[in-house]
Amino acid sequence: MGIRIFITSVSANSAVKKCQQLIVDVLTAKSIPFELVDISAPENEELKMFMREKAKPKEGQVNPMPPQIFSDDEYLGDYQAFDEAVEDNCLDVFLQLASATKTSEATVTLG
């Protein structure tokens, strides 16, 4: 399964559309494979319910709104969390593609 982005193709909200497209653009540019799940498609009703159960709604919302990001069945966050990971240059960690701590095996010789 890997990275799954839950989106909607029928939103009249331009901010939602923009956020969805930015996620797709970033992942595509970084050659990170992902699956789009359109929760507005009737055949994805079960996946829509899964997203609503696992994702966290923002304050004032009854249900979480797309886009929502998962790694397999684990909830990772919404667009804001994704954007912060991109800005902090830790997208691989956010998407669980790399560990949070990396060690370097470089040596320095002074002489």
Protein backbone atom coordinates (compact mmCIF):
# COMPACT_ATOMS: atom_id res chain seq x y z
CA MET A 1 0.00 0.00 0.00
CA GLY A 2 2.52 2.66 1.06
CA ILE A 3 1.63 6.35 1.15
CA ARG A 4 -2.07 7.07 0.65
CA ILE A 5 -3.49 10.55 0.15
CA PHE A 6 -7.20 10.85 0.83
CA ILE A 7 -8.69 13.54 -1.40
CA THR A 8 -12.02 14.62 -2.81
CA SER A 9 -12.62 15.43 -6.46
CA VAL A 10 -15.89 17.28 -5.87
CA SER A 11 -14.93 20.02 -3.41
CA ALA A 12 -16.04 23.54 -4.22
CA ASN A 13 -13.44 24.79 -1.73
CA SER A 14 -10.47 26.11 -3.72
CA ALA A 15 -8.18 25.88 -0.67
CA VAL A 16 -8.83 22.13 -0.40
CA LYS A 17 -8.10 21.66 -4.10
CA LYS A 18 -4.90 23.69 -3.82
CA CYS A 19 -3.66 21.71 -0.82
CA GLN A 20 -4.42 18.40 -2.53
CA GLN A 21 -2.55 19.47 -5.66
CA LEU A 22 0.47 20.73 -3.70
CA ILE A 23 0.82 17.36 -1.97
CA VAL A 24 0.63 15.55 -5.31
CA ASP A 25 3.16 17.96 -6.86
CA VAL A 26 5.68 17.59 -4.03
CA LEU A 27 5.47 13.79 -3.92
CA THR A 28 5.72 13.56 -7.70
CA ALA A 29 8.71 15.94 -7.81
CA LYS A 30 10.48 13.86 -5.17
CA SER A 31 9.59 10.59 -6.94
CA ILE A 32 7.81 9.30 -3.85
CA PRO A 33 5.20 6.70 -4.84
CA PHE A 34 1.70 7.27 -3.50
CA GLU A 35 -1.90 6.28 -4.02
CA LEU A 36 -4.74 8.78 -4.29
CA VAL A 37 -8.00 7.75 -2.65
CA ASP A 38 -10.96 9.84 -3.81
CA ILE A 39 -13.42 9.69 -0.91
CA SER A 40 -16.15 11.23 -3.07
CA ALA A 41 -16.24 8.15 -5.32
CA PRO A 42 -19.09 5.79 -4.36
CA GLU A 43 -16.80 2.75 -4.56
CA ASN A 44 -14.56 4.30 -1.86
CA GLU A 45 -17.26 4.68 0.80
CA GLU A 46 -15.54 2.14 3.07
CA LEU A 47 -12.21 3.96 2.71
CA LYS A 48 -13.97 7.26 3.46
CA MET A 49 -15.25 5.78 6.72
CA PHE A 50 -11.74 4.47 7.48
CA MET A 51 -10.30 7.97 6.97
CA ARG A 52 -12.94 9.54 9.20
CA GLU A 53 -12.25 7.02 11.97
CA LYS A 54 -8.46 7.36 11.91
CA ALA A 55 -7.81 11.01 10.99
CA LYS A 56 -8.20 13.88 13.41
CA PRO A 57 -10.69 16.66 12.61
CA LYS A 58 -9.59 20.24 13.07
CA GLU A 59 -11.17 22.27 15.81
CA GLY A 60 -14.77 23.06 14.90
CA GLN A 61 -15.06 20.20 12.41
CA VAL A 62 -17.21 17.13 12.95
CA ASN A 63 -15.26 15.04 10.43
CA PRO A 64 -11.70 15.40 9.16
CA MET A 65 -11.56 16.98 5.72
CA PRO A 66 -9.24 16.03 2.87
CA PRO A 67 -6.44 15.96 2.20
CA GLN A 68 -5.37 13.43 4.83
CA ILE A 69 -2.15 11.43 4.66
CA PHE A 70 -1.58 7.82 5.71
CA SER A 71 1.25 5.32 5.56
CA ASP A 72 -0.53 2.05 4.97
CA ASP A 73 -3.17 2.17 7.72
CA GLU A 74 -1.31 4.58 10.00
CA TYR A 75 -2.50 8.18 10.11
CA LEU A 76 0.34 10.65 9.50
CA GLY A 77 -1.43 14.00 9.35
CA ASP A 78 -3.21 16.58 7.26
CA TYR A 79 -1.94 19.18 4.81
CA GLN A 80 -0.63 21.44 7.57
CA ALA A 81 1.53 18.64 9.01
CA PHE A 82 2.74 17.76 5.49
CA ASP A 83 3.61 21.39 4.74
CA GLU A 84 5.53 21.74 8.01
CA ALA A 85 7.51 18.60 7.19
CA VAL A 86 8.40 20.02 3.78
CA GLU A 87 9.43 23.38 5.31
CA ASP A 88 11.49 21.62 8.00
CA ASN A 89 13.15 19.44 5.35
CA CYS A 90 12.00 16.25 7.10
CA LEU A 91 9.39 14.94 4.68
CA ASP A 92 11.00 11.48 4.57
CA VAL A 93 10.67 11.19 8.34
CA PHE A 94 7.08 12.47 8.30
CA LEU A 95 6.17 9.91 5.64
CA GLN A 96 8.07 7.22 7.57
CA LEU A 97 10.45 6.63 4.69
CA ALA A 98 13.51 7.34 6.86
CA SER A 99 14.34 7.21 10.54
CA ALA A 100 14.26 10.38 12.60
CA THR A 101 17.93 10.05 13.47
CA LYS A 102 20.59 9.53 10.89
CA THR A 103 24.20 8.94 11.76
CA SER A 104 27.15 9.92 9.70
CA GLU A 105 30.19 7.72 9.37
CA ALA A 106 32.43 10.51 8.13
CA THR A 107 35.86 10.91 9.68
CA VAL A 108 37.99 13.98 9.89
CA THR A 109 41.75 13.79 9.90
CA LEU A 110 43.64 16.80 11.19
CA GLY A 111 47.23 16.92 10.49
